[in-house]
Amino acid sequence: MRHPFAARWAVPGPDHSGRTPPRSRVLATCIAIAVFSAATSIVCLWQAKADLDLRTLSSESRAWPSAPGEIIEAQLDRSSGRGPSVGASVRYRFIVGEKTFEGRNIAFDGPRGAAAENAVRRYRPGTKVRVLYRPRAPSTSVLERPSSTGSTGSTGWQRTGALAFTALGAGLLTA
């Protein structure tokens, strides 16, 4: 015996087989797109927040005090995430009061490409440097003050992407 609702959802066909109706396929597709949209929105918002945090630190660092420091290590980092890329990796030590700290930031937006190669040449091990540090948390430090134009981040497209995918997902769920 067939389920009482089977006739309602069955698509009439030559054999009345009760195939999955197109309406449920559309609903499943809408739900899948909504889930994808929600996941993409979360990733975009997380990235936008991380970029905003870096921009905030970069802006704050313009007024940070400095302390004498010394470069311990400097090298080029090669990665192939979204195509080949070269970055600079440094380690430096500095003293605030009577406590010694170690840092790794050249700049909050980090030098890439030729700028990374120049940074590694400029910050050779043993080089004496001035380290900018956050007064209430000296473990947060950086070697270079940000430029007057600030860092160029991708917050704009990330927010736009998050809003677009959120709207798409919400629209599909309420349709």
C-alpha atoms as a PDB file:
ATOM      1  CA  MET A   1       0.000   0.000   0.000  1.00  0.00           C
ATOM      2  CA  ARG A   2       1.247   3.464  -0.847  1.00  0.00           C
ATOM      3  CA  HIS A   3       1.710   6.204   1.695  1.00  0.00           C
ATOM      4  CA  PRO A   4      -1.302   8.599   1.821  1.00  0.00           C
ATOM      5  CA  PHE A   5       0.844  11.573   0.749  1.00  0.00           C
ATOM      6  CA  ALA A   6       2.537   9.697  -2.078  1.00  0.00           C
ATOM      7  CA  ALA A   7      -0.155  10.654  -4.576  1.00  0.00           C
ATOM      8  CA  ARG A   8       0.243  14.353  -3.697  1.00  0.00           C
ATOM      9  CA  TRP A   9       3.979  14.354  -4.405  1.00  0.00           C
ATOM     10  CA  ALA A  10       4.057  11.858  -7.230  1.00  0.00           C
ATOM     11  CA  VAL A  11       4.758  13.148 -10.687  1.00  0.00           C
ATOM     12  CA  PRO A  12       2.356  11.532 -13.064  1.00  0.00           C
ATOM     13  CA  GLY A  13       4.182   9.536 -15.622  1.00  0.00           C
ATOM     14  CA  PRO A  14       3.387   6.723 -17.958  1.00  0.00           C
ATOM     15  CA  ASP A  15       4.052   4.197 -15.235  1.00  0.00           C
ATOM     16  CA  HIS A  16       3.003   6.323 -12.210  1.00  0.00           C
ATOM     17  CA  SER A  17       6.246   5.327 -10.548  1.00  0.00           C
ATOM     18  CA  GLY A  18       6.232   8.119  -7.966  1.00  0.00           C
ATOM     19  CA  ARG A  19       9.566   9.596  -9.061  1.00  0.00           C
ATOM     20  CA  THR A  20      11.110  12.414  -7.025  1.00  0.00           C
ATOM     21  CA  PRO A  21       9.216  15.519  -8.050  1.00  0.00           C
ATOM     22  CA  PRO A  22      11.098  18.444  -9.589  1.00  0.00           C
ATOM     23  CA  ARG A  23       9.844  20.693  -6.754  1.00  0.00           C
ATOM     24  CA  SER A  24      11.841  18.781  -4.142  1.00  0.00           C
ATOM     25  CA  ARG A  25      14.946  18.927  -6.343  1.00  0.00           C
ATOM     26  CA  VAL A  26      14.581  22.697  -6.566  1.00  0.00           C
ATOM     27  CA  LEU A  27      14.156  22.882  -2.794  1.00  0.00           C
ATOM     28  CA  ALA A  28      17.248  20.710  -2.238  1.00  0.00           C
ATOM     29  CA  THR A  29      19.236  22.922  -4.602  1.00  0.00           C
ATOM     30  CA  CYS A  30      18.058  26.064  -2.797  1.00  0.00           C
ATOM     31  CA  ILE A  31      19.049  24.598   0.565  1.00  0.00           C
ATOM     32  CA  ALA A  32      22.465  23.581  -0.774  1.00  0.00           C
ATOM     33  CA  ILE A  33      23.050  27.093  -2.139  1.00  0.00           C
ATOM     34  CA  ALA A  34      21.883  28.622   1.147  1.00  0.00           C
ATOM     35  CA  VAL A  35      24.304  26.438   3.142  1.00  0.00           C
ATOM     36  CA  PHE A  36      27.147  27.318   0.748  1.00  0.00           C
ATOM     37  CA  SER A  37      26.213  31.007   1.042  1.00  0.00           C
ATOM     38  CA  ALA A  38      26.226  30.858   4.837  1.00  0.00           C
ATOM     39  CA  ALA A  39      29.629  29.154   4.893  1.00  0.00           C
ATOM     40  CA  THR A  40      31.069  31.654   2.410  1.00  0.00           C
ATOM     41  CA  SER A  41      29.625  34.547   4.437  1.00  0.00           C
ATOM     42  CA  ILE A  42      31.296  33.265   7.596  1.00  0.00           C
ATOM     43  CA  VAL A  43      34.677  32.956   5.849  1.00  0.00           C
ATOM     44  CA  CYS A  44      34.376  36.435   4.292  1.00  0.00           C
ATOM     45  CA  LEU A  45      33.402  38.023   7.617  1.00  0.00           C
ATOM     46  CA  TRP A  46      36.226  36.226   9.450  1.00  0.00           C
ATOM     47  CA  GLN A  47      38.739  37.475   6.859  1.00  0.00           C
ATOM     48  CA  ALA A  48      37.324  41.006   7.032  1.00  0.00           C
ATOM     49  CA  LYS A  49      37.667  40.990  10.829  1.00  0.00           C
ATOM     50  CA  ALA A  50      41.270  39.775  10.633  1.00  0.00           C
ATOM     51  CA  ASP A  51      42.072  42.522   8.122  1.00  0.00           C
ATOM     52  CA  LEU A  52      40.335  45.117  10.295  1.00  0.00           C
ATOM     53  CA  ASP A  53      42.367  43.963  13.319  1.00  0.00           C
ATOM     54  CA  LEU A  54      45.586  44.422  11.310  1.00  0.00           C
ATOM     55  CA  ARG A  55      44.471  47.863  10.176  1.00  0.00           C
ATOM     56  CA  THR A  56      43.716  48.816  13.778  1.00  0.00           C
ATOM     57  CA  LEU A  57      47.148  47.640  14.952  1.00  0.00           C
ATOM     58  CA  SER A  58      48.791  49.426  12.048  1.00  0.00           C
ATOM     59  CA  SER A  59      46.987  52.653  12.882  1.00  0.00           C
ATOM     60  CA  GLU A  60      47.750  52.367  16.617  1.00  0.00           C
ATOM     61  CA  SER A  61      51.427  51.682  15.955  1.00  0.00           C
ATOM     62  CA  ARG A  62      51.926  55.203  14.609  1.00  0.00           C
ATOM     63  CA  ALA A  63      51.943  56.439  18.233  1.00  0.00           C
ATOM     64  CA  TRP A  64      53.763  53.511  19.884  1.00  0.00           C
ATOM     65  CA  PRO A  65      57.035  54.086  21.727  1.00  0.00           C
ATOM     66  CA  SER A  66      60.185  52.343  20.558  1.00  0.00           C
ATOM     67  CA  ALA A  67      62.904  50.316  22.235  1.00  0.00           C
ATOM     68  CA  PRO A  68      66.343  49.210  21.062  1.00  0.00           C
ATOM     69  CA  GLY A  69      66.473  45.746  19.550  1.00  0.00           C
ATOM     70  CA  GLU A  70      68.560  43.372  17.516  1.00  0.00           C
ATOM     71  CA  ILE A  71      67.757  41.121  14.559  1.00  0.00           C
ATOM     72  CA  ILE A  72      68.240  37.438  15.409  1.00  0.00           C
ATOM     73  CA  GLU A  73      67.179  35.865  12.111  1.00  0.00           C
ATOM     74  CA  ALA A  74      66.024  36.997   8.662  1.00  0.00           C
ATOM     75  CA  GLN A  75      65.109  34.882   5.647  1.00  0.00           C
ATOM     76  CA  LEU A  76      62.901  34.754   2.584  1.00  0.00           C
ATOM     77  CA  ASP A  77      59.779  32.596   2.736  1.00  0.00           C
ATOM     78  CA  ARG A  78      58.571  31.136  -0.522  1.00  0.00           C
ATOM     79  CA  SER A  79      55.037  29.842  -0.748  1.00  0.00           C
ATOM     80  CA  SER A  80      52.799  28.693  -3.547  1.00  0.00           C
ATOM     81  CA  GLY A  81      49.336  29.342  -2.105  1.00  0.00           C
ATOM     82  CA  ARG A  82      47.659  31.371  -4.879  1.00  0.00           C
ATOM     83  CA  GLY A  83      50.650  31.299  -7.164  1.00  0.00           C
ATOM     84  CA  PRO A  84      54.282  31.716  -6.213  1.00  0.00           C
ATOM     85  CA  SER A  85      54.910  34.393  -3.612  1.00  0.00           C
ATOM     86  CA  VAL A  86      57.898  35.594  -1.627  1.00  0.00           C
ATOM     87  CA  GLY A  87      57.675  37.068   1.857  1.00  0.00           C
ATOM     88  CA  ALA A  88      60.174  38.024   4.520  1.00  0.00           C
ATOM     89  CA  SER A  89      60.485  36.313   7.882  1.00  0.00           C
ATOM     90  CA  VAL A  90      62.443  37.995  10.681  1.00  0.00           C
ATOM     91  CA  ARG A  91      62.954  37.418  14.371  1.00  0.00           C
ATOM     92  CA  TYR A  92      64.180  40.170  16.654  1.00  0.00           C
ATOM     93  CA  ARG A  93      64.726  40.649  20.358  1.00  0.00           C
ATOM     94  CA  PHE A  94      64.118  43.853  22.324  1.00  0.00           C
ATOM     95  CA  ILE A  95      63.951  44.987  25.941  1.00  0.00           C
ATOM     96  CA  VAL A  96      61.183  47.033  27.577  1.00  0.00           C
ATOM     97  CA  GLY A  97      61.945  47.913  31.187  1.00  0.00           C
ATOM     98  CA  GLU A  98      63.723  44.840  32.477  1.00  0.00           C
ATOM     99  CA  LYS A  99      61.854  42.280  30.401  1.00  0.00           C
ATOM    100  CA  THR A 100      63.074  40.806  27.096  1.00  0.00           C
ATOM    101  CA  PHE A 101      60.602  40.239  24.249  1.00  0.00           C
ATOM    102  CA  GLU A 102      60.843  38.602  20.856  1.00  0.00           C
ATOM    103  CA  GLY A 103      58.959  39.740  17.765  1.00  0.00           C
ATOM    104  CA  ARG A 104      58.451  38.714  14.142  1.00  0.00           C
ATOM    105  CA  ASN A 105      56.649  41.625  12.428  1.00  0.00           C
ATOM    106  CA  ILE A 106      58.455  43.815   9.939  1.00  0.00           C
ATOM    107  CA  ALA A 107      55.216  45.609   9.083  1.00  0.00           C
ATOM    108  CA  PHE A 108      51.650  44.584   9.830  1.00  0.00           C
ATOM    109  CA  ASP A 109      50.845  44.137   6.150  1.00  0.00           C
ATOM    110  CA  GLY A 110      54.179  42.333   5.578  1.00  0.00           C
ATOM    111  CA  PRO A 111      56.555  42.965   2.668  1.00  0.00           C
ATOM    112  CA  ARG A 112      56.082  40.805  -0.457  1.00  0.00           C
ATOM    113  CA  GLY A 113      58.159  40.210  -3.570  1.00  0.00           C
ATOM    114  CA  ALA A 114      61.049  42.638  -4.127  1.00  0.00           C
ATOM    115  CA  ALA A 115      60.181  44.491  -0.891  1.00  0.00           C
ATOM    116  CA  ALA A 116      60.669  41.207   1.018  1.00  0.00           C
ATOM    117  CA  GLU A 117      64.093  40.690  -0.571  1.00  0.00           C
ATOM    118  CA  ASN A 118      65.075  44.267   0.372  1.00  0.00           C
ATOM    119  CA  ALA A 119      63.823  43.723   3.932  1.00  0.00           C
ATOM    120  CA  VAL A 120      65.939  40.575   4.357  1.00  0.00           C
ATOM    121  CA  ARG A 121      69.009  42.485   3.112  1.00  0.00           C
ATOM    122  CA  ARG A 122      68.240  45.436   5.419  1.00  0.00           C
ATOM    123  CA  TYR A 123      67.533  43.300   8.525  1.00  0.00           C
ATOM    124  CA  ARG A 124      70.546  40.969   8.624  1.00  0.00           C
ATOM    125  CA  PRO A 125      71.198  39.072  11.873  1.00  0.00           C
ATOM    126  CA  GLY A 126      73.075  41.273  14.325  1.00  0.00           C
ATOM    127  CA  THR A 127      71.624  44.536  12.920  1.00  0.00           C
ATOM    128  CA  LYS A 128      70.602  47.012  15.637  1.00  0.00           C
ATOM    129  CA  VAL A 129      67.009  48.262  15.167  1.00  0.00           C
ATOM    130  CA  ARG A 130      64.349  50.382  16.861  1.00  0.00           C
ATOM    131  CA  VAL A 131      61.314  48.242  17.699  1.00  0.00           C
ATOM    132  CA  LEU A 132      57.866  49.800  18.015  1.00  0.00           C
ATOM    133  CA  TYR A 133      55.838  48.090  20.732  1.00  0.00           C
ATOM    134  CA  ARG A 134      52.315  48.317  22.102  1.00  0.00           C
ATOM    135  CA  PRO A 135      52.593  50.034  25.504  1.00  0.00           C
ATOM    136  CA  ARG A 136      49.977  47.856  27.278  1.00  0.00           C
ATOM    137  CA  ALA A 137      51.162  44.648  25.559  1.00  0.00           C
ATOM    138  CA  PRO A 138      54.847  44.886  24.536  1.00  0.00           C
ATOM    139  CA  SER A 139      54.787  41.399  23.029  1.00  0.00           C
ATOM    140  CA  THR A 140      52.893  43.029  20.125  1.00  0.00           C
ATOM    141  CA  SER A 141      55.611  44.762  18.150  1.00  0.00           C
ATOM    142  CA  VAL A 142      56.685  45.841  14.685  1.00  0.00           C
ATOM    143  CA  LEU A 143      59.853  47.202  13.061  1.00  0.00           C
ATOM    144  CA  GLU A 144      58.399  49.677  10.565  1.00  0.00           C
ATOM    145  CA  ARG A 145      55.828  52.419  11.029  1.00  0.00           C
ATOM    146  CA  PRO A 146      52.964  52.226   8.535  1.00  0.00           C
ATOM    147  CA  SER A 147      52.984  54.549   5.541  1.00  0.00           C
ATOM    148  CA  SER A 148      50.816  57.644   5.728  1.00  0.00           C
ATOM    149  CA  THR A 149      48.349  56.060   3.298  1.00  0.00           C
ATOM    150  CA  GLY A 150      47.931  52.981   5.508  1.00  0.00           C
ATOM    151  CA  SER A 151      47.741  49.402   4.391  1.00  0.00           C
ATOM    152  CA  THR A 152      45.698  48.386   1.425  1.00  0.00           C
ATOM    153  CA  GLY A 153      43.514  45.529   2.530  1.00  0.00           C
ATOM    154  CA  SER A 154      40.682  43.646   0.951  1.00  0.00           C
ATOM    155  CA  THR A 155      38.049  44.445   3.562  1.00  0.00           C
ATOM    156  CA  GLY A 156      35.774  46.094   0.992  1.00  0.00           C
ATOM    157  CA  TRP A 157      35.381  43.076  -1.274  1.00  0.00           C
ATOM    158  CA  GLN A 158      35.158  40.750   1.724  1.00  0.00           C
ATOM    159  CA  ARG A 159      32.276  42.711   3.235  1.00  0.00           C
ATOM    160  CA  THR A 160      30.565  42.937  -0.140  1.00  0.00           C
ATOM    161  CA  GLY A 161      30.989  39.190  -0.667  1.00  0.00           C
ATOM    162  CA  ALA A 162      29.680  38.397   2.799  1.00  0.00           C
ATOM    163  CA  LEU A 163      26.617  40.601   2.318  1.00  0.00           C
ATOM    164  CA  ALA A 164      25.904  39.247  -1.163  1.00  0.00           C
ATOM    165  CA  PHE A 165      26.122  35.607  -0.094  1.00  0.00           C
ATOM    166  CA  THR A 166      24.099  36.274   3.063  1.00  0.00           C
ATOM    167  CA  ALA A 167      21.374  37.954   1.012  1.00  0.00           C
ATOM    168  CA  LEU A 168      21.419  35.134  -1.530  1.00  0.00           C
ATOM    169  CA  GLY A 169      21.137  32.490   1.175  1.00  0.00           C
ATOM    170  CA  ALA A 170      18.374  34.343   3.030  1.00  0.00           C
ATOM    171  CA  GLY A 171      16.475  34.906  -0.199  1.00  0.00           C
ATOM    172  CA  LEU A 172      16.614  31.246  -1.117  1.00  0.00           C
ATOM    173  CA  LEU A 173      15.519  30.092   2.328  1.00  0.00           C
ATOM    174  CA  THR A 174      12.489  32.388   2.333  1.00  0.00           C
ATOM    175  CA  ALA A 175      11.521  31.651  -1.275  1.00  0.00           C
END
